[in-house]
Amino acid sequence: MRNDAHGRRGNSITTSAGEAELHQEGQRFAKQVAQRLAQYHQDGRFASLKVVAAPRFLGYLRQAWSPQVAGTISDELDKDLVKADFDELEKRLLPAHA
């Protein structure tokens, strides 16, 4: 048995099924992002990308994006920066400006 986020013990089959569903949702979203990036690249909207994503989601993106998009990636950061403030984002993404 495993503990859930609130410390309760949960059924491992149910917990695993819930986790699998979350992974599938993440993979679907990564495919949508990858398709959008492929379209933007084809439209000439970018020539180079810096990609920042939580480690697991970055893995999903790597599996989903096209070789053309992969070739434009100049840098990757496998960090979850959702809660980062502006100064931290600037420091991590634009080190020359920090």
PDB file of N, CA and C in Angstrom:
ATOM      1  N   MET A   1       0.835  -1.174   0.000  1.00  0.00           N
ATOM      2  CA  MET A   1       0.000   0.000   0.000  1.00  0.00           C
ATOM      3  C   MET A   1       0.881   1.239   0.000  1.00  0.00           C
ATOM      4  N   ARG A   2       0.381   2.277  -0.648  1.00  0.00           N
ATOM      5  CA  ARG A   2       1.141   3.514  -0.741  1.00  0.00           C
ATOM      6  C   ARG A   2       0.337   4.657  -0.143  1.00  0.00           C
ATOM      7  N   ASN A   3       1.034   5.685   0.294  1.00  0.00           N
ATOM      8  CA  ASN A   3       0.360   6.858   0.825  1.00  0.00           C
ATOM      9  C   ASN A   3       0.032   7.807  -0.319  1.00  0.00           C
ATOM     10  N   ASP A   4      -1.148   8.448  -0.237  1.00  0.00           N
ATOM     11  CA  ASP A   4      -1.467   9.457  -1.236  1.00  0.00           C
ATOM     12  C   ASP A   4      -0.945  10.803  -0.756  1.00  0.00           C
ATOM     13  N   ALA A   5      -1.263  11.872  -1.449  1.00  0.00           N
ATOM     14  CA  ALA A   5      -0.738  13.201  -1.131  1.00  0.00           C
ATOM     15  C   ALA A   5      -1.164  13.680   0.251  1.00  0.00           C
ATOM     16  N   HIS A   6      -2.236  13.138   0.784  1.00  0.00           N
ATOM     17  CA  HIS A   6      -2.721  13.560   2.091  1.00  0.00           C
ATOM     18  C   HIS A   6      -2.302  12.610   3.195  1.00  0.00           C
ATOM     19  N   GLY A   7      -1.458  11.635   2.887  1.00  0.00           N
ATOM     20  CA  GLY A   7      -0.954  10.721   3.888  1.00  0.00           C
ATOM     21  C   GLY A   7      -1.832   9.518   4.128  1.00  0.00           C
ATOM     22  N   ARG A   8      -2.949   9.418   3.443  1.00  0.00           N
ATOM     23  CA  ARG A   8      -3.819   8.252   3.605  1.00  0.00           C
ATOM     24  C   ARG A   8      -3.239   7.088   2.827  1.00  0.00           C
ATOM     25  N   ARG A   9      -3.567   5.919   3.281  1.00  0.00           N
ATOM     26  CA  ARG A   9      -3.133   4.745   2.550  1.00  0.00           C
ATOM     27  C   ARG A   9      -4.141   4.472   1.459  1.00  0.00           C
ATOM     28  N   GLY A  10      -3.629   4.247   0.255  1.00  0.00           N
ATOM     29  CA  GLY A  10      -4.524   4.010  -0.868  1.00  0.00           C
ATOM     30  C   GLY A  10      -4.279   2.656  -1.478  1.00  0.00           C
ATOM     31  N   ASN A  11      -5.258   2.149  -2.164  1.00  0.00           N
ATOM     32  CA  ASN A  11      -5.150   0.881  -2.873  1.00  0.00           C
ATOM     33  C   ASN A  11      -4.145   1.054  -4.010  1.00  0.00           C
ATOM     34  N   SER A  12      -3.152   0.209  -4.077  1.00  0.00           N
ATOM     35  CA  SER A  12      -2.101   0.375  -5.074  1.00  0.00           C
ATOM     36  C   SER A  12      -2.624   0.225  -6.493  1.00  0.00           C
ATOM     37  N   ILE A  13      -3.637  -0.598  -6.711  1.00  0.00           N
ATOM     38  CA  ILE A  13      -4.191  -0.749  -8.059  1.00  0.00           C
ATOM     39  C   ILE A  13      -4.875   0.541  -8.474  1.00  0.00           C
ATOM     40  N   THR A  14      -5.686   1.103  -7.596  1.00  0.00           N
ATOM     41  CA  THR A  14      -6.371   2.353  -7.907  1.00  0.00           C
ATOM     42  C   THR A  14      -5.364   3.476  -8.065  1.00  0.00           C
ATOM     43  N   THR A  15      -4.406   3.536  -7.167  1.00  0.00           N
ATOM     44  CA  THR A  15      -3.383   4.559  -7.241  1.00  0.00           C
ATOM     45  C   THR A  15      -2.611   4.442  -8.548  1.00  0.00           C
ATOM     46  N   SER A  16      -2.231   3.240  -8.904  1.00  0.00           N
ATOM     47  CA  SER A  16      -1.494   3.033 -10.152  1.00  0.00           C
ATOM     48  C   SER A  16      -2.326   3.432 -11.355  1.00  0.00           C
ATOM     49  N   ALA A  17      -3.616   3.106 -11.337  1.00  0.00           N
ATOM     50  CA  ALA A  17      -4.496   3.470 -12.444  1.00  0.00           C
ATOM     51  C   ALA A  17      -4.598   4.980 -12.555  1.00  0.00           C
ATOM     52  N   GLY A  18      -4.696   5.662 -11.423  1.00  0.00           N
ATOM     53  CA  GLY A  18      -4.755   7.123 -11.439  1.00  0.00           C
ATOM     54  C   GLY A  18      -3.473   7.732 -11.951  1.00  0.00           C
ATOM     55  N   GLU A  19      -2.352   7.171 -11.538  1.00  0.00           N
ATOM     56  CA  GLU A  19      -1.060   7.656 -12.019  1.00  0.00           C
ATOM     57  C   GLU A  19      -0.916   7.412 -13.511  1.00  0.00           C
ATOM     58  N   ALA A  20      -1.351   6.263 -13.984  1.00  0.00           N
ATOM     59  CA  ALA A  20      -1.268   5.954 -15.417  1.00  0.00           C
ATOM     60  C   ALA A  20      -2.098   6.949 -16.219  1.00  0.00           C
ATOM     61  N   GLU A  21      -3.269   7.285 -15.696  1.00  0.00           N
ATOM     62  CA  GLU A  21      -4.119   8.253 -16.384  1.00  0.00           C
ATOM     63  C   GLU A  21      -3.445   9.620 -16.450  1.00  0.00           C
ATOM     64  N   LEU A  22      -2.792  10.032 -15.370  1.00  0.00           N
ATOM     65  CA  LEU A  22      -2.077  11.306 -15.375  1.00  0.00           C
ATOM     66  C   LEU A  22      -0.926  11.294 -16.376  1.00  0.00           C
ATOM     67  N   HIS A  23      -0.217  10.179 -16.459  1.00  0.00           N
ATOM     68  CA  HIS A  23       0.878  10.072 -17.423  1.00  0.00           C
ATOM     69  C   HIS A  23       0.335  10.169 -18.845  1.00  0.00           C
ATOM     70  N   GLN A  24      -0.775   9.494 -19.105  1.00  0.00           N
ATOM     71  CA  GLN A  24      -1.367   9.539 -20.447  1.00  0.00           C
ATOM     72  C   GLN A  24      -1.821  10.951 -20.790  1.00  0.00           C
ATOM     73  N   GLU A  25      -2.382  11.643 -19.828  1.00  0.00           N
ATOM     74  CA  GLU A  25      -2.804  13.026 -20.053  1.00  0.00           C
ATOM     75  C   GLU A  25      -1.590  13.905 -20.359  1.00  0.00           C
ATOM     76  N   GLY A  26      -0.513  13.704 -19.618  1.00  0.00           N
ATOM     77  CA  GLY A  26       0.714  14.454 -19.872  1.00  0.00           C
ATOM     78  C   GLY A  26       1.273  14.175 -21.257  1.00  0.00           C
ATOM     79  N   GLN A  27       1.235  12.925 -21.669  1.00  0.00           N
ATOM     80  CA  GLN A  27       1.722  12.559 -23.001  1.00  0.00           C
ATOM     81  C   GLN A  27       0.856  13.174 -24.090  1.00  0.00           C
ATOM     82  N   ARG A  28      -0.462  13.163 -23.893  1.00  0.00           N
ATOM     83  CA  ARG A  28      -1.360  13.783 -24.877  1.00  0.00           C
ATOM     84  C   ARG A  28      -1.085  15.279 -24.994  1.00  0.00           C
ATOM     85  N   PHE A  29      -0.907  15.937 -23.853  1.00  0.00           N
ATOM     86  CA  PHE A  29      -0.631  17.372 -23.879  1.00  0.00           C
ATOM     87  C   PHE A  29       0.713  17.647 -24.553  1.00  0.00           C
ATOM     88  N   ALA A  30       1.712  16.830 -24.277  1.00  0.00           N
ATOM     89  CA  ALA A  30       3.023  16.999 -24.918  1.00  0.00           C
ATOM     90  C   ALA A  30       2.895  16.868 -26.437  1.00  0.00           C
ATOM     91  N   LYS A  31       2.078  15.948 -26.898  1.00  0.00           N
ATOM     92  CA  LYS A  31       1.861  15.795 -28.344  1.00  0.00           C
ATOM     93  C   LYS A  31       1.206  17.034 -28.927  1.00  0.00           C
ATOM     94  N   GLN A  32       0.255  17.613 -28.204  1.00  0.00           N
ATOM     95  CA  GLN A  32      -0.393  18.839 -28.671  1.00  0.00           C
ATOM     96  C   GLN A  32       0.616  19.983 -28.752  1.00  0.00           C
ATOM     97  N   VAL A  33       1.441  20.107 -27.729  1.00  0.00           N
ATOM     98  CA  VAL A  33       2.474  21.146 -27.724  1.00  0.00           C
ATOM     99  C   VAL A  33       3.438  20.918 -28.891  1.00  0.00           C
ATOM    100  N   ALA A  34       3.846  19.673 -29.087  1.00  0.00           N
ATOM    101  CA  ALA A  34       4.781  19.344 -30.173  1.00  0.00           C
ATOM    102  C   ALA A  34       4.182  19.659 -31.538  1.00  0.00           C
ATOM    103  N   GLN A  35       2.901  19.364 -31.710  1.00  0.00           N
ATOM    104  CA  GLN A  35       2.236  19.681 -32.983  1.00  0.00           C
ATOM    105  C   GLN A  35       2.197  21.186 -33.211  1.00  0.00           C
ATOM    106  N   ARG A  36       1.900  21.924 -32.163  1.00  0.00           N
ATOM    107  CA  ARG A  36       1.867  23.388 -32.277  1.00  0.00           C
ATOM    108  C   ARG A  36       3.253  23.934 -32.607  1.00  0.00           C
ATOM    109  N   LEU A  37       4.280  23.403 -31.944  1.00  0.00           N
ATOM    110  CA  LEU A  37       5.642  23.843 -32.245  1.00  0.00           C
ATOM    111  C   LEU A  37       6.024  23.516 -33.683  1.00  0.00           C
ATOM    112  N   ALA A  38       5.640  22.350 -34.168  1.00  0.00           N
ATOM    113  CA  ALA A  38       5.938  21.970 -35.550  1.00  0.00           C
ATOM    114  C   ALA A  38       5.269  22.943 -36.519  1.00  0.00           C
ATOM    115  N   GLN A  39       4.021  23.307 -36.232  1.00  0.00           N
ATOM    116  CA  GLN A  39       3.313  24.259 -37.096  1.00  0.00           C
ATOM    117  C   GLN A  39       3.982  25.629 -37.052  1.00  0.00           C
ATOM    118  N   TYR A  40       4.326  26.095 -35.861  1.00  0.00           N
ATOM    119  CA  TYR A  40       4.999  27.387 -35.735  1.00  0.00           C
ATOM    120  C   TYR A  40       6.346  27.382 -36.445  1.00  0.00           C
ATOM    121  N   HIS A  41       7.065  26.280 -36.352  1.00  0.00           N
ATOM    122  CA  HIS A  41       8.354  26.188 -37.037  1.00  0.00           C
ATOM    123  C   HIS A  41       8.148  26.231 -38.549  1.00  0.00           C
ATOM    124  N   GLN A  42       7.180  25.495 -39.029  1.00  0.00           N
ATOM    125  CA  GLN A  42       6.877  25.486 -40.462  1.00  0.00           C
ATOM    126  C   GLN A  42       6.475  26.886 -40.934  1.00  0.00           C
ATOM    127  N   ASP A  43       5.774  27.628 -40.096  1.00  0.00           N
ATOM    128  CA  ASP A  43       5.350  28.986 -40.440  1.00  0.00           C
ATOM    129  C   ASP A  43       6.468  30.008 -40.297  1.00  0.00           C
ATOM    130  N   GLY A  44       7.634  29.576 -39.826  1.00  0.00           N
ATOM    131  CA  GLY A  44       8.771  30.481 -39.674  1.00  0.00           C
ATOM    132  C   GLY A  44       8.677  31.381 -38.452  1.00  0.00           C
ATOM    133  N   ARG A  45       7.928  30.965 -37.458  1.00  0.00           N
ATOM    134  CA  ARG A  45       7.734  31.807 -36.277  1.00  0.00           C
ATOM    135  C   ARG A  45       8.893  31.726 -35.292  1.00  0.00           C
ATOM    136  N   PHE A  46       9.786  30.767 -35.453  1.00  0.00           N
ATOM    137  CA  PHE A  46      10.990  30.693 -34.636  1.00  0.00           C
ATOM    138  C   PHE A  46      12.052  29.916 -35.392  1.00  0.00           C
ATOM    139  N   ALA A  47      13.297  30.235 -35.057  1.00  0.00           N
ATOM    140  CA  ALA A  47      14.426  29.509 -35.633  1.00  0.00           C
ATOM    141  C   ALA A  47      15.197  28.762 -34.554  1.00  0.00           C
ATOM    142  N   SER A  48      14.976  29.168 -33.295  1.00  0.00           N
ATOM    143  CA  SER A  48      15.692  28.571 -32.176  1.00  0.00           C
ATOM    144  C   SER A  48      14.785  28.578 -30.954  1.00  0.00           C
ATOM    145  N   LEU A  49      14.899  27.520 -30.135  1.00  0.00           N
ATOM    146  CA  LEU A  49      14.080  27.406 -28.930  1.00  0.00           C
ATOM    147  C   LEU A  49      14.929  27.082 -27.716  1.00  0.00           C
ATOM    148  N   LYS A  50      14.521  27.650 -26.586  1.00  0.00           N
ATOM    149  CA  LYS A  50      14.975  27.200 -25.280  1.00  0.00           C
ATOM    150  C   LYS A  50      13.761  26.558 -24.650  1.00  0.00           C
ATOM    151  N   VAL A  51      13.903  25.327 -24.188  1.00  0.00           N
ATOM    152  CA  VAL A  51      12.776  24.593 -23.632  1.00  0.00           C
ATOM    153  C   VAL A  51      12.987  24.402 -22.139  1.00  0.00           C
ATOM    154  N   VAL A  52      11.976  24.795 -21.378  1.00  0.00           N
ATOM    155  CA  VAL A  52      11.981  24.614 -19.934  1.00  0.00           C
ATOM    156  C   VAL A  52      10.730  23.829 -19.577  1.00  0.00           C
ATOM    157  N   ALA A  53      10.919  22.706 -18.913  1.00  0.00           N
ATOM    158  CA  ALA A  53       9.780  21.882 -18.506  1.00  0.00           C
ATOM    159  C   ALA A  53      10.203  20.991 -17.349  1.00  0.00           C
ATOM    160  N   ALA A  54       9.211  20.584 -16.592  1.00  0.00           N
ATOM    161  CA  ALA A  54       9.472  19.613 -15.526  1.00  0.00           C
ATOM    162  C   ALA A  54      10.091  18.369 -16.161  1.00  0.00           C
ATOM    163  N   PRO A  55      10.970  17.684 -15.445  1.00  0.00           N
ATOM    164  CA  PRO A  55      11.706  16.562 -16.043  1.00  0.00           C
ATOM    165  C   PRO A  55      10.840  15.532 -16.777  1.00  0.00           C
ATOM    166  N   ARG A  56       9.772  15.074 -16.164  1.00  0.00           N
ATOM    167  CA  ARG A  56       8.941  14.063 -16.819  1.00  0.00           C
ATOM    168  C   ARG A  56       8.306  14.622 -18.099  1.00  0.00           C
ATOM    169  N   PHE A  57       7.787  15.858 -18.016  1.00  0.00           N
ATOM    170  CA  PHE A  57       7.139  16.445 -19.179  1.00  0.00           C
ATOM    171  C   PHE A  57       8.158  16.712 -20.288  1.00  0.00           C
ATOM    172  N   LEU A  58       9.358  17.102 -19.920  1.00  0.00           N
ATOM    173  CA  LEU A  58      10.397  17.292 -20.929  1.00  0.00           C
ATOM    174  C   LEU A  58      10.661  15.981 -21.661  1.00  0.00           C
ATOM    175  N   GLY A  59      10.648  14.876 -20.945  1.00  0.00           N
ATOM    176  CA  GLY A  59      10.801  13.569 -21.580  1.00  0.00           C
ATOM    177  C   GLY A  59       9.681  13.289 -22.563  1.00  0.00           C
ATOM    178  N   TYR A  60       8.454  13.628 -22.176  1.00  0.00           N
ATOM    179  CA  TYR A  60       7.321  13.447 -23.088  1.00  0.00           C
ATOM    180  C   TYR A  60       7.489  14.310 -24.335  1.00  0.00           C
ATOM    181  N   LEU A  61       7.939  15.551 -24.144  1.00  0.00           N
ATOM    182  CA  LEU A  61       8.155  16.434 -25.294  1.00  0.00           C
ATOM    183  C   LEU A  61       9.213  15.871 -26.237  1.00  0.00           C
ATOM    184  N   ARG A  62      10.307  15.394 -25.672  1.00  0.00           N
ATOM    185  CA  ARG A  62      11.379  14.836 -26.501  1.00  0.00           C
ATOM    186  C   ARG A  62      10.876  13.687 -27.369  1.00  0.00           C
ATOM    187  N   GLN A  63       9.965  12.892 -26.833  1.00  0.00           N
ATOM    188  CA  GLN A  63       9.401  11.780 -27.593  1.00  0.00           C
ATOM    189  C   GLN A  63       8.446  12.274 -28.679  1.00  0.00           C
ATOM    190  N   ALA A  64       7.841  13.439 -28.467  1.00  0.00           N
ATOM    191  CA  ALA A  64       6.759  13.891 -29.343  1.00  0.00           C
ATOM    192  C   ALA A  64       7.188  14.863 -30.442  1.00  0.00           C
ATOM    193  N   TRP A  65       8.228  15.659 -30.198  1.00  0.00           N
ATOM    194  CA  TRP A  65       8.483  16.676 -31.218  1.00  0.00           C
ATOM    195  C   TRP A  65       9.179  16.111 -32.444  1.00  0.00           C
ATOM    196  N   SER A  66       8.982  16.818 -33.538  1.00  0.00           N
ATOM    197  CA  SER A  66       9.515  16.377 -34.828  1.00  0.00           C
ATOM    198  C   SER A  66      11.032  16.577 -34.864  1.00  0.00           C
ATOM    199  N   PRO A  67      11.701  15.879 -35.769  1.00  0.00           N
ATOM    200  CA  PRO A  67      13.147  16.087 -35.918  1.00  0.00           C
ATOM    201  C   PRO A  67      13.488  17.535 -36.285  1.00  0.00           C
ATOM    202  N   GLN A  68      12.609  18.190 -37.036  1.00  0.00           N
ATOM    203  CA  GLN A  68      12.854  19.587 -37.421  1.00  0.00           C
ATOM    204  C   GLN A  68      12.835  20.492 -36.190  1.00  0.00           C
ATOM    205  N   VAL A  69      11.861  20.286 -35.318  1.00  0.00           N
ATOM    206  CA  VAL A  69      11.792  21.086 -34.091  1.00  0.00           C
ATOM    207  C   VAL A  69      12.971  20.736 -33.186  1.00  0.00           C
ATOM    208  N   ALA A  70      13.269  19.464 -33.049  1.00  0.00           N
ATOM    209  CA  ALA A  70      14.395  19.048 -32.205  1.00  0.00           C
ATOM    210  C   ALA A  70      15.688  19.724 -32.646  1.00  0.00           C
ATOM    211  N   GLY A  71      15.843  19.911 -33.954  1.00  0.00           N
ATOM    212  CA  GLY A  71      17.049  20.554 -34.482  1.00  0.00           C
ATOM    213  C   GLY A  71      17.154  22.027 -34.149  1.00  0.00           C
ATOM    214  N   THR A  72      16.069  22.651 -33.731  1.00  0.00           N
ATOM    215  CA  THR A  72      16.107  24.081 -33.404  1.00  0.00           C
ATOM    216  C   THR A  72      16.362  24.343 -31.925  1.00  0.00           C
ATOM    217  N   ILE A  73      16.383  23.307 -31.112  1.00  0.00           N
ATOM    218  CA  ILE A  73      16.493  23.498 -29.666  1.00  0.00           C
ATOM    219  C   ILE A  73      17.935  23.822 -29.289  1.00  0.00           C
ATOM    220  N   SER A  74      18.099  25.020 -28.764  1.00  0.00           N
ATOM    221  CA  SER A  74      19.439  25.484 -28.400  1.00  0.00           C
ATOM    222  C   SER A  74      19.774  25.175 -26.944  1.00  0.00           C
ATOM    223  N   ASP A  75      18.741  24.984 -26.120  1.00  0.00           N
ATOM    224  CA  ASP A  75      18.990  24.723 -24.706  1.00  0.00           C
ATOM    225  C   ASP A  75      17.756  24.075 -24.093  1.00  0.00           C
ATOM    226  N   GLU A  76      17.972  23.232 -23.096  1.00  0.00           N
ATOM    227  CA  GLU A  76      16.900  22.598 -22.344  1.00  0.00           C
ATOM    228  C   GLU A  76      17.189  22.752 -20.863  1.00  0.00           C
ATOM    229  N   LEU A  77      16.139  22.967 -20.108  1.00  0.00           N
ATOM    230  CA  LEU A  77      16.256  23.023 -18.652  1.00  0.00           C
ATOM    231  C   LEU A  77      15.162  22.144 -18.077  1.00  0.00           C
ATOM    232  N   ASP A  78      15.565  21.072 -17.417  1.00  0.00           N
ATOM    233  CA  ASP A  78      14.592  20.135 -16.849  1.00  0.00           C
ATOM    234  C   ASP A  78      14.258  20.519 -15.414  1.00  0.00           C
ATOM    235  N   LYS A  79      13.513  21.620 -15.289  1.00  0.00           N
ATOM    236  CA  LYS A  79      13.117  22.152 -13.986  1.00  0.00           C
ATOM    237  C   LYS A  79      11.658  22.563 -14.046  1.00  0.00           C
ATOM    238  N   ASP A  80      10.957  22.348 -12.954  1.00  0.00           N
ATOM    239  CA  ASP A  80       9.591  22.839 -12.820  1.00  0.00           C
ATOM    240  C   ASP A  80       9.684  24.242 -12.245  1.00  0.00           C
ATOM    241  N   LEU A  81       9.436  25.248 -13.074  1.00  0.00           N
ATOM    242  CA  LEU A  81       9.559  26.638 -12.650  1.00  0.00           C
ATOM    243  C   LEU A  81       8.204  27.324 -12.521  1.00  0.00           C
ATOM    244  N   VAL A  82       7.154  26.550 -12.360  1.00  0.00           N
ATOM    245  CA  VAL A  82       5.810  27.111 -12.272  1.00  0.00           C
ATOM    246  C   VAL A  82       5.703  28.135 -11.150  1.00  0.00           C
ATOM    247  N   LYS A  83       6.348  27.875 -10.037  1.00  0.00           N
ATOM    248  CA  LYS A  83       6.235  28.772  -8.884  1.00  0.00           C
ATOM    249  C   LYS A  83       7.378  29.780  -8.797  1.00  0.00           C
ATOM    250  N   ALA A  84       8.221  29.817  -9.802  1.00  0.00           N
ATOM    251  CA  ALA A  84       9.359  30.739  -9.781  1.00  0.00           C
ATOM    252  C   ALA A  84       8.879  32.173 -10.006  1.00  0.00           C
ATOM    253  N   ASP A  85       9.531  33.105  -9.332  1.00  0.00           N
ATOM    254  CA  ASP A  85       9.189  34.505  -9.556  1.00  0.00           C
ATOM    255  C   ASP A  85       9.965  35.039 -10.760  1.00  0.00           C
ATOM    256  N   PHE A  86       9.667  36.256 -11.154  1.00  0.00           N
ATOM    257  CA  PHE A  86      10.263  36.837 -12.356  1.00  0.00           C
ATOM    258  C   PHE A  86      11.787  36.870 -12.272  1.00  0.00           C
ATOM    259  N   ASP A  87      12.325  37.257 -11.121  1.00  0.00           N
ATOM    260  CA  ASP A  87      13.778  37.352 -10.976  1.00  0.00           C
ATOM    261  C   ASP A  87      14.451  35.991 -11.179  1.00  0.00           C
ATOM    262  N   GLU A  88      13.849  34.952 -10.617  1.00  0.00           N
ATOM    263  CA  GLU A  88      14.421  33.614 -10.788  1.00  0.00           C
ATOM    264  C   GLU A  88      14.345  33.166 -12.244  1.00  0.00           C
ATOM    265  N   LEU A  89      13.207  33.435 -12.895  1.00  0.00           N
ATOM    266  CA  LEU A  89      13.071  33.081 -14.313  1.00  0.00           C
ATOM    267  C   LEU A  89      14.118  33.811 -15.151  1.00  0.00           C
ATOM    268  N   GLU A  90      14.281  35.095 -14.902  1.00  0.00           N
ATOM    269  CA  GLU A  90      15.261  35.881 -15.641  1.00  0.00           C
ATOM    270  C   GLU A  90      16.672  35.337 -15.431  1.00  0.00           C
ATOM    271  N   LYS A  91      16.986  34.996 -14.194  1.00  0.00           N
ATOM    272  CA  LYS A  91      18.313  34.472 -13.857  1.00  0.00           C
ATOM    273  C   LYS A  91      18.577  33.143 -14.581  1.00  0.00           C
ATOM    274  N   ARG A  92      17.573  32.270 -14.606  1.00  0.00           N
ATOM    275  CA  ARG A  92      17.751  30.945 -15.204  1.00  0.00           C
ATOM    276  C   ARG A  92      17.696  30.970 -16.723  1.00  0.00           C
ATOM    277  N   LEU A  93      16.868  31.851 -17.286  1.00  0.00           N
ATOM    278  CA  LEU A  93      16.651  31.821 -18.731  1.00  0.00           C
ATOM    279  C   LEU A  93      17.465  32.855 -19.487  1.00  0.00           C
ATOM    280  N   LEU A  94      17.833  33.935 -18.829  1.00  0.00           N
ATOM    281  CA  LEU A  94      18.598  34.994 -19.471  1.00  0.00           C
ATOM    282  C   LEU A  94      19.808  35.345 -18.617  1.00  0.00           C
ATOM    283  N   PRO A  95      20.744  34.415 -18.455  1.00  0.00           N
ATOM    284  CA  PRO A  95      21.857  34.635 -17.517  1.00  0.00           C
ATOM    285  C   PRO A  95      22.701  35.851 -17.838  1.00  0.00           C
ATOM    286  N   ALA A  96      22.751  36.284 -19.084  1.00  0.00           N
ATOM    287  CA  ALA A  96      23.537  37.462 -19.451  1.00  0.00           C
ATOM    288  C   ALA A  96      22.927  38.739 -18.875  1.00  0.00           C
ATOM    289  N   HIS A  97      21.622  38.704 -18.549  1.00  0.00           N
ATOM    290  CA  HIS A  97      20.931  39.871 -18.022  1.00  0.00           C
ATOM    291  C   HIS A  97      20.912  39.908 -16.505  1.00  0.00           C
ATOM    292  N   ALA A  98      21.350  38.838 -15.889  1.00  0.00           N
ATOM    293  CA  ALA A  98      21.269  38.780 -14.418  1.00  0.00           C
ATOM    294  C   ALA A  98      22.416  39.508 -13.766  1.00  0.00           C
TER     295      ALA A  98
END
